C-alpha atoms as a PDB file:
ATOM      1  CA  MET A   1     116.595 101.873  43.102  1.00  0.00           C
ATOM      2  CA  SER A   2     117.477 104.377  44.671  1.00  0.00           C
ATOM      3  CA  ARG A   3     115.158 108.100  43.979  1.00  0.00           C
ATOM      4  CA  PHE A   4     115.540 111.421  45.104  1.00  0.00           C
ATOM      5  CA  PHE A   5     113.248 114.040  44.828  1.00  0.00           C
ATOM      6  CA  THR A   6     114.207 117.529  44.933  1.00  0.00           C
ATOM      7  CA  PRO A   7     111.341 119.841  45.603  1.00  0.00           C
ATOM      8  CA  ARG A   8     111.324 124.011  44.151  1.00  0.00           C
ATOM      9  CA  LEU A   9     110.248 127.034  45.678  1.00  0.00           C
ATOM     10  CA  THR A  10     108.024 127.521  42.719  1.00  0.00           C
ATOM     11  CA  GLY A  11     105.735 124.179  42.505  1.00  0.00           C
ATOM     12  CA  GLY A  12     106.644 120.935  40.969  1.00  0.00           C
ATOM     13  CA  GLY A  13     110.730 119.370  40.971  1.00  0.00           C
ATOM     14  CA  GLU A  14     112.770 117.160  39.723  1.00  0.00           C
ATOM     15  CA  LEU A  15     113.336 113.315  40.399  1.00  0.00           C
ATOM     16  CA  VAL A  16     115.860 111.561  40.036  1.00  0.00           C
ATOM     17  CA  PHE A  17     116.784 107.926  39.981  1.00  0.00           C
ATOM     18  CA  THR A  18     121.114 106.892  41.406  1.00  0.00           C
ATOM     19  CA  ASP A  19     121.823 105.599  37.431  1.00  0.00           C
ATOM     20  CA  GLY A  20     121.186 108.885  36.372  1.00  0.00           C
ATOM     21  CA  THR A  21     117.647 108.643  35.225  1.00  0.00           C
ATOM     22  CA  ARG A  22     115.214 111.928  35.290  1.00  0.00           C
ATOM     23  CA  PHE A  23     112.196 112.764  35.339  1.00  0.00           C
ATOM     24  CA  GLN A  24     110.682 116.823  36.082  1.00  0.00           C
ATOM     25  CA  LEU A  25     107.267 117.631  38.264  1.00  0.00           C
ATOM     26  CA  GLU A  26     105.471 120.535  36.520  1.00  0.00           C
ATOM     27  CA  SER A  27     101.984 122.156  36.412  1.00  0.00           C
ATOM     28  CA  ALA A  28     100.323 120.942  33.719  1.00  0.00           C
ATOM     29  CA  SER A  29      97.355 123.694  33.750  1.00  0.00           C
ATOM     30  CA  PHE A  30      97.695 127.785  35.415  1.00  0.00           C
ATOM     31  CA  TRP A  31      95.271 126.753  38.510  1.00  0.00           C
ATOM     32  CA  SER A  32      97.873 123.843  39.096  1.00  0.00           C
ATOM     33  CA  GLY A  33      94.599 121.045  39.122  1.00  0.00           C
ATOM     34  CA  GLU A  34      96.760 119.535  37.031  1.00  0.00           C
ATOM     35  CA  TRP A  35     100.405 117.863  37.993  1.00  0.00           C
ATOM     36  CA  ALA A  36     102.752 115.745  34.937  1.00  0.00           C
ATOM     37  CA  PHE A  37     106.239 113.660  34.760  1.00  0.00           C
ATOM     38  CA  GLU A  38     107.894 114.105  31.602  1.00  0.00           C
ATOM     39  CA  THR A  39     110.946 112.953  30.694  1.00  0.00           C
ATOM     40  CA  ALA A  40     114.143 114.991  30.515  1.00  0.00           C
ATOM     41  CA  ASP A  41     113.720 115.803  26.442  1.00  0.00           C
ATOM     42  CA  GLY A  42     109.813 117.133  28.057  1.00  0.00           C
ATOM     43  CA  ARG A  43     107.581 114.582  27.059  1.00  0.00           C
ATOM     44  CA  GLU A  44     104.955 113.715  29.634  1.00  0.00           C
ATOM     45  CA  VAL A  45     105.309 109.673  30.846  1.00  0.00           C
ATOM     46  CA  VAL A  46     102.136 110.716  33.173  1.00  0.00           C
ATOM     47  CA  ARG A  47      99.944 113.581  34.486  1.00  0.00           C
ATOM     48  CA  VAL A  48      96.799 113.712  37.413  1.00  0.00           C
ATOM     49  CA  HIS A  49      93.927 115.652  36.951  1.00  0.00           C
ATOM     50  CA  GLY A  50      93.231 116.278  40.860  1.00  0.00           C
ATOM     51  CA  PRO A  51      92.141 115.838  43.168  1.00  0.00           C
ATOM     52  CA  HIS A  52      88.438 116.750  43.737  1.00  0.00           C
ATOM     53  CA  GLY A  53      84.804 115.207  44.498  1.00  0.00           C
ATOM     54  CA  ALA A  54      82.794 115.924  48.294  1.00  0.00           C
ATOM     55  CA  LEU A  55      86.662 114.696  50.213  1.00  0.00           C
ATOM     56  CA  GLY A  56      88.909 115.581  47.781  1.00  0.00           C
ATOM     57  CA  SER A  57      90.243 111.684  47.439  1.00  0.00           C
ATOM     58  CA  ARG A  58      89.356 111.292  44.231  1.00  0.00           C
ATOM     59  CA  GLY A  59      91.667 112.306  40.899  1.00  0.00           C
ATOM     60  CA  GLU A  60      92.014 110.919  37.358  1.00  0.00           C
ATOM     61  CA  ALA A  61      95.125 109.527  35.295  1.00  0.00           C
ATOM     62  CA  SER A  62      96.699 109.648  32.140  1.00  0.00           C
ATOM     63  CA  LEU A  63      99.108 108.158  30.391  1.00  0.00           C
ATOM     64  CA  GLY A  64     101.354 109.673  27.970  1.00  0.00           C
ATOM     65  CA  LEU A  65     103.362 107.859  24.227  1.00  0.00           C
ATOM     66  CA  PRO A  66     106.108 106.970  26.098  1.00  0.00           C
ATOM     67  CA  ALA A  67     105.001 105.310  29.616  1.00  0.00           C
ATOM     68  CA  THR A  68     105.590 102.028  27.883  1.00  0.00           C
ATOM     69  CA  ALA A  69     108.586 102.754  27.575  1.00  0.00           C
ATOM     70  CA  VAL A  70     109.146 103.909  31.124  1.00  0.00           C
ATOM     71  CA  PRO A  71     109.455 101.478  33.314  1.00  0.00           C
ATOM     72  CA  GLU A  72     109.419 104.102  36.336  1.00  0.00           C
ATOM     73  CA  THR A  73     105.457 104.696  34.797  1.00  0.00           C
ATOM     74  CA  PRO A  74     103.957 102.750  37.976  1.00  0.00           C
ATOM     75  CA  LEU A  75     106.297 105.203  40.288  1.00  0.00           C
ATOM     76  CA  LEU A  76     105.915 108.086  38.797  1.00  0.00           C
ATOM     77  CA  LEU A  77     102.419 107.764  38.862  1.00  0.00           C
ATOM     78  CA  MET A  78     102.181 107.001  42.843  1.00  0.00           C
ATOM     79  CA  LEU A  79     104.700 110.201  43.894  1.00  0.00           C
ATOM     80  CA  ILE A  80     102.961 112.146  41.457  1.00  0.00           C
ATOM     81  CA  TRP A  81      99.094 111.443  43.549  1.00  0.00           C
ATOM     82  CA  TYR A  82     101.445 111.702  46.794  1.00  0.00           C
ATOM     83  CA  LEU A  83     102.732 115.351  46.360  1.00  0.00           C
ATOM     84  CA  ILE A  84      99.731 116.885  45.097  1.00  0.00           C
ATOM     85  CA  LEU A  85      98.469 116.064  48.142  1.00  0.00           C
ATOM     86  CA  LEU A  86     100.512 116.875  50.789  1.00  0.00           C
ATOM     87  CA  MET A  87     100.810 120.065  48.875  1.00  0.00           C
ATOM     88  CA  LYS A  88      96.825 120.507  48.658  1.00  0.00           C
ATOM     89  CA  ASP A  89      97.299 119.928  52.833  1.00  0.00           C
ATOM     90  CA  ASP A  90     100.110 122.467  53.139  1.00  0.00           C
ATOM     91  CA  ALA A  91      97.461 125.008  51.198  1.00  0.00           C
ATOM     92  CA  GLY A  92      95.358 123.943  53.620  1.00  0.00           C
ATOM     93  CA  THR A  93      97.087 124.923  56.403  1.00  0.00           C
ATOM     94  CA  ALA A  94      98.362 128.240  54.685  1.00  0.00           C
ATOM     95  CA  ALA A  95      94.831 128.984  54.869  1.00  0.00           C
ATOM     96  CA  ILE A  96      94.203 128.021  58.291  1.00  0.00           C
ATOM     97  CA  ILE A  97      97.324 130.132  58.869  1.00  0.00           C
ATOM     98  CA  ALA A  98      96.307 133.732  57.487  1.00  0.00           C
ATOM     99  CA  VAL A  99      93.161 133.516  58.863  1.00  0.00           C
ATOM    100  CA  CYS A 100      93.920 133.227  62.169  1.00  0.00           C
ATOM    101  CA  CYS A 101      96.932 135.155  62.477  1.00  0.00           C
ATOM    102  CA  GLY A 102      96.868 137.352  58.910  1.00  0.00           C
END
């Protein structure tokens, strides 16, 4: 079950499995505090809010209506959390560079 994630410059991206199944990663809130994977027809499968907490390592997930019918749901949940943490790390690095070099 190979898969490919293609990020977009504006945030989010597209996940494509070798069988052609596609999911879109979209920001679900204005400040990008929530992210969701949606099916190709726009139905939300998983949504994650976070990270937050003292160390920024906690978050909450909710499953959409089609989640039980989507076998990729566990993988989508793990991938969305990983991508959120990567984006948080990238934003922190960019802020440090802006302060030091700006």
